């Protein structure tokens, strides 16, 4: 399989499991760093590199946003949706 297909599969099936419930849970910086490390491990194995700068370039090239940014965006949506429900009720 090509790297693009593998990344699509990881992003579609593994990332939701990795990010499950993180919208509503406060995480420390060390926990976020550990989670990012786990996500980068996929890139390390797939692209045979452990250079973080190289991995960040691969992220941007393949159209993925950084994991921490995605978690922050999911939190904003979670809290905004909850706020809208409170206002409606």
N, C-alpha and C. Protein backbone atom coordinates (compact mmCIF):
# COMPACT_ATOMS: atom_id res chain seq x y z
N UNK A 1 0.83 -1.17 0.00
CA UNK A 1 0.00 0.00 0.00
C UNK A 1 0.88 1.25 0.00
N UNK A 2 0.40 2.29 -0.63
CA UNK A 2 1.17 3.53 -0.66
C UNK A 2 1.03 4.25 0.69
N UNK A 3 1.94 5.18 0.91
CA UNK A 3 1.93 5.94 2.16
C UNK A 3 0.64 6.77 2.29
N UNK A 4 0.15 7.29 1.18
CA UNK A 4 -1.07 8.09 1.20
C UNK A 4 -2.26 7.26 1.66
N UNK A 5 -2.37 6.06 1.15
CA UNK A 5 -3.47 5.16 1.54
C UNK A 5 -3.34 4.78 3.01
N UNK A 6 -2.13 4.47 3.44
CA UNK A 6 -1.90 4.09 4.83
C UNK A 6 -2.26 5.25 5.77
N UNK A 7 -1.87 6.47 5.41
CA UNK A 7 -2.19 7.61 6.26
C UNK A 7 -3.69 7.87 6.29
N UNK A 8 -4.36 7.67 5.17
CA UNK A 8 -5.81 7.83 5.15
C UNK A 8 -6.47 6.80 6.08
N UNK A 9 -5.99 5.58 6.04
CA UNK A 9 -6.53 4.54 6.92
C UNK A 9 -6.27 4.85 8.39
N UNK A 10 -5.04 5.27 8.70
CA UNK A 10 -4.72 5.64 10.08
C UNK A 10 -5.58 6.80 10.55
N UNK A 11 -5.74 7.79 9.68
CA UNK A 11 -6.52 8.96 10.03
C UNK A 11 -8.00 8.64 10.18
N UNK A 12 -8.50 7.71 9.38
CA UNK A 12 -9.92 7.36 9.43
C UNK A 12 -10.27 6.41 10.56
N UNK A 13 -9.38 5.49 10.87
CA UNK A 13 -9.71 4.45 11.84
C UNK A 13 -8.99 4.58 13.18
N UNK A 14 -7.73 5.00 13.17
CA UNK A 14 -6.96 5.04 14.41
C UNK A 14 -7.08 6.37 15.14
N UNK A 15 -7.08 7.47 14.39
CA UNK A 15 -7.12 8.78 15.04
C UNK A 15 -8.40 8.99 15.85
N UNK A 16 -9.59 8.59 15.36
CA UNK A 16 -10.78 8.75 16.20
C UNK A 16 -10.68 8.00 17.53
N UNK A 17 -10.05 6.84 17.52
CA UNK A 17 -9.88 6.08 18.76
C UNK A 17 -8.88 6.80 19.66
N UNK A 18 -7.83 7.35 19.07
CA UNK A 18 -6.81 8.06 19.83
C UNK A 18 -7.38 9.33 20.47
N UNK A 19 -8.31 9.99 19.78
CA UNK A 19 -8.86 11.26 20.25
C UNK A 19 -10.21 11.13 20.95
N UNK A 20 -10.66 9.91 21.15
CA UNK A 20 -11.97 9.67 21.74
C UNK A 20 -12.09 10.36 23.11
N UNK A 21 -13.10 11.13 23.31
CA UNK A 21 -13.48 11.81 24.54
C UNK A 21 -12.52 12.95 24.94
N UNK A 22 -11.53 13.25 24.14
CA UNK A 22 -10.59 14.31 24.51
C UNK A 22 -11.22 15.69 24.39
N UNK A 23 -12.39 15.79 23.77
CA UNK A 23 -13.06 17.07 23.64
C UNK A 23 -13.46 17.61 25.01
N UNK A 24 -13.84 16.73 25.90
CA UNK A 24 -14.40 17.15 27.18
C UNK A 24 -13.45 16.96 28.36
N UNK A 25 -12.24 16.51 28.13
CA UNK A 25 -11.31 16.21 29.21
C UNK A 25 -10.14 17.18 29.16
N UNK A 26 -9.79 17.73 30.31
CA UNK A 26 -8.60 18.58 30.38
C UNK A 26 -7.36 17.69 30.42
N UNK A 27 -6.41 18.01 29.57
CA UNK A 27 -5.16 17.24 29.53
C UNK A 27 -4.00 18.15 29.87
N UNK A 28 -3.05 17.61 30.61
CA UNK A 28 -1.85 18.38 30.92
C UNK A 28 -0.95 18.42 29.70
N UNK A 29 0.03 19.30 29.74
CA UNK A 29 0.97 19.40 28.62
C UNK A 29 1.74 18.11 28.40
N UNK A 30 2.08 17.43 29.47
CA UNK A 30 2.82 16.17 29.33
C UNK A 30 1.94 15.10 28.68
N UNK A 31 0.64 15.09 28.99
CA UNK A 31 -0.26 14.14 28.34
C UNK A 31 -0.42 14.45 26.86
N UNK A 32 -0.54 15.74 26.52
CA UNK A 32 -0.63 16.12 25.11
C UNK A 32 0.64 15.75 24.36
N UNK A 33 1.77 15.95 25.02
CA UNK A 33 3.04 15.59 24.39
C UNK A 33 3.13 14.08 24.15
N UNK A 34 2.67 13.31 25.11
CA UNK A 34 2.66 11.85 24.98
C UNK A 34 1.73 11.41 23.84
N UNK A 35 0.58 12.04 23.74
CA UNK A 35 -0.37 11.73 22.68
C UNK A 35 0.20 12.09 21.31
N UNK A 36 0.83 13.24 21.21
CA UNK A 36 1.48 13.66 19.97
C UNK A 36 2.59 12.69 19.60
N UNK A 37 3.33 12.25 20.59
CA UNK A 37 4.40 11.28 20.35
C UNK A 37 3.83 9.99 19.75
N UNK A 38 2.69 9.55 20.26
CA UNK A 38 2.07 8.33 19.74
C UNK A 38 1.65 8.52 18.27
N UNK A 39 1.08 9.69 17.96
CA UNK A 39 0.66 9.96 16.59
C UNK A 39 1.88 10.06 15.66
N UNK A 40 2.96 10.68 16.15
CA UNK A 40 4.18 10.79 15.33
C UNK A 40 4.83 9.44 15.10
N UNK A 41 4.62 8.50 16.01
CA UNK A 41 5.21 7.16 15.85
C UNK A 41 4.72 6.48 14.58
N UNK A 42 3.48 6.78 14.20
CA UNK A 42 2.96 6.23 12.94
C UNK A 42 3.78 6.75 11.77
N UNK A 43 4.06 8.05 11.79
CA UNK A 43 4.85 8.65 10.72
C UNK A 43 6.29 8.14 10.73
N UNK A 44 6.84 7.94 11.93
CA UNK A 44 8.21 7.43 12.04
C UNK A 44 8.33 6.07 11.37
N UNK A 45 7.38 5.22 11.65
CA UNK A 45 7.44 3.87 11.07
C UNK A 45 7.12 3.87 9.59
N UNK A 46 6.14 4.65 9.19
CA UNK A 46 5.70 4.65 7.80
C UNK A 46 6.71 5.29 6.87
N UNK A 47 7.32 6.40 7.31
CA UNK A 47 8.24 7.14 6.45
C UNK A 47 9.70 6.94 6.83
N UNK A 48 9.97 6.09 7.78
CA UNK A 48 11.33 5.74 8.20
C UNK A 48 12.15 6.98 8.57
N UNK A 49 11.55 7.86 9.34
CA UNK A 49 12.27 9.04 9.83
C UNK A 49 11.82 9.33 11.25
N UNK A 50 12.75 9.83 12.06
CA UNK A 50 12.39 10.24 13.41
C UNK A 50 12.65 11.73 13.61
N UNK A 51 12.86 12.46 12.52
CA UNK A 51 13.07 13.90 12.58
C UNK A 51 11.72 14.60 12.69
N UNK A 52 11.50 15.32 13.78
CA UNK A 52 10.21 15.96 14.02
C UNK A 52 9.92 17.02 12.96
N UNK A 53 10.93 17.76 12.53
CA UNK A 53 10.72 18.77 11.49
C UNK A 53 10.27 18.12 10.18
N UNK A 54 10.86 17.01 9.85
CA UNK A 54 10.47 16.27 8.64
C UNK A 54 9.03 15.78 8.76
N UNK A 55 8.67 15.30 9.93
CA UNK A 55 7.31 14.82 10.15
C UNK A 55 6.31 15.96 10.03
N UNK A 56 6.66 17.13 10.57
CA UNK A 56 5.78 18.29 10.45
C UNK A 56 5.59 18.71 8.99
N UNK A 57 6.64 18.63 8.19
CA UNK A 57 6.53 18.93 6.76
C UNK A 57 5.62 17.91 6.08
N UNK A 58 5.76 16.65 6.44
CA UNK A 58 4.91 15.60 5.88
C UNK A 58 3.45 15.86 6.25
N UNK A 59 3.21 16.26 7.51
CA UNK A 59 1.84 16.61 7.94
C UNK A 59 1.24 17.66 7.02
N UNK A 60 1.98 18.76 6.84
CA UNK A 60 1.46 19.86 6.02
C UNK A 60 1.29 19.43 4.57
N UNK A 61 2.24 18.68 4.05
CA UNK A 61 2.18 18.24 2.66
C UNK A 61 0.97 17.33 2.41
N UNK A 62 0.65 16.49 3.38
CA UNK A 62 -0.47 15.56 3.21
C UNK A 62 -1.80 16.16 3.63
N UNK A 63 -1.78 17.40 4.14
CA UNK A 63 -3.02 18.09 4.47
C UNK A 63 -3.55 17.83 5.87
N UNK A 64 -2.72 17.35 6.77
CA UNK A 64 -3.14 17.11 8.15
C UNK A 64 -2.73 18.29 9.01
N UNK A 65 -3.60 18.66 9.94
CA UNK A 65 -3.24 19.71 10.89
C UNK A 65 -2.58 19.05 12.09
N UNK A 66 -1.78 19.80 12.84
CA UNK A 66 -1.14 19.21 14.03
C UNK A 66 -2.19 18.67 14.99
N UNK A 67 -1.85 17.62 15.69
CA UNK A 67 -2.78 16.93 16.57
C UNK A 67 -3.30 17.86 17.68
N UNK A 68 -2.44 18.68 18.24
CA UNK A 68 -2.85 19.59 19.31
C UNK A 68 -3.87 20.59 18.78
N UNK A 69 -3.67 21.08 17.56
CA UNK A 69 -4.61 22.01 16.94
C UNK A 69 -5.96 21.33 16.71
N UNK A 70 -5.93 20.09 16.28
CA UNK A 70 -7.18 19.36 16.07
C UNK A 70 -7.92 19.13 17.39
N UNK A 71 -7.21 18.84 18.45
CA UNK A 71 -7.84 18.67 19.75
C UNK A 71 -8.47 19.98 20.21
N UNK A 72 -7.75 21.09 20.03
CA UNK A 72 -8.31 22.39 20.40
C UNK A 72 -9.56 22.72 19.59
N UNK A 73 -9.55 22.43 18.31
CA UNK A 73 -10.72 22.69 17.46
C UNK A 73 -11.91 21.84 17.90
N UNK A 74 -11.65 20.59 18.25
CA UNK A 74 -12.73 19.72 18.71
C UNK A 74 -13.31 20.20 20.03
N UNK A 75 -12.45 20.75 20.90
CA UNK A 75 -12.93 21.30 22.18
C UNK A 75 -13.83 22.51 21.95
N UNK A 76 -13.44 23.38 21.03
CA UNK A 76 -14.25 24.56 20.73
C UNK A 76 -15.63 24.13 20.25
N UNK A 77 -15.68 23.17 19.35
CA UNK A 77 -16.97 22.68 18.84
C UNK A 77 -17.78 22.05 19.97
N UNK A 78 -17.13 21.27 20.82
CA UNK A 78 -17.82 20.61 21.93
C UNK A 78 -18.45 21.63 22.87
N UNK A 79 -17.66 22.62 23.29
CA UNK A 79 -18.18 23.61 24.22
C UNK A 79 -19.21 24.53 23.57
N UNK A 80 -19.02 24.86 22.31
CA UNK A 80 -19.98 25.71 21.60
C UNK A 80 -21.32 24.97 21.47
N UNK A 81 -21.28 23.69 21.13
CA UNK A 81 -22.51 22.90 21.02
C UNK A 81 -23.21 22.80 22.37
N UNK A 82 -22.46 22.57 23.42
CA UNK A 82 -23.04 22.52 24.76
C UNK A 82 -23.63 23.84 25.18
N UNK A 83 -22.97 24.93 24.82
CA UNK A 83 -23.49 26.25 25.14
C UNK A 83 -24.78 26.53 24.39
N UNK A 84 -24.85 26.13 23.14
CA UNK A 84 -26.07 26.31 22.35
C UNK A 84 -27.22 25.52 22.94
N UNK A 85 -26.97 24.33 23.42
CA UNK A 85 -28.03 23.52 24.03
C UNK A 85 -28.54 24.16 25.32
N UNK A 86 -27.65 24.74 26.10
CA UNK A 86 -28.04 25.39 27.34
C UNK A 86 -28.91 26.61 27.03
N UNK A 87 -28.54 27.38 26.02
CA UNK A 87 -29.28 28.58 25.66
C UNK A 87 -30.67 28.21 25.14
N UNK A 88 -30.76 27.15 24.37
CA UNK A 88 -32.06 26.73 23.80
C UNK A 88 -32.99 26.25 24.91
N UNK A 89 -32.44 25.52 25.88
CA UNK A 89 -33.29 25.01 26.97
C UNK A 89 -33.71 26.13 27.85
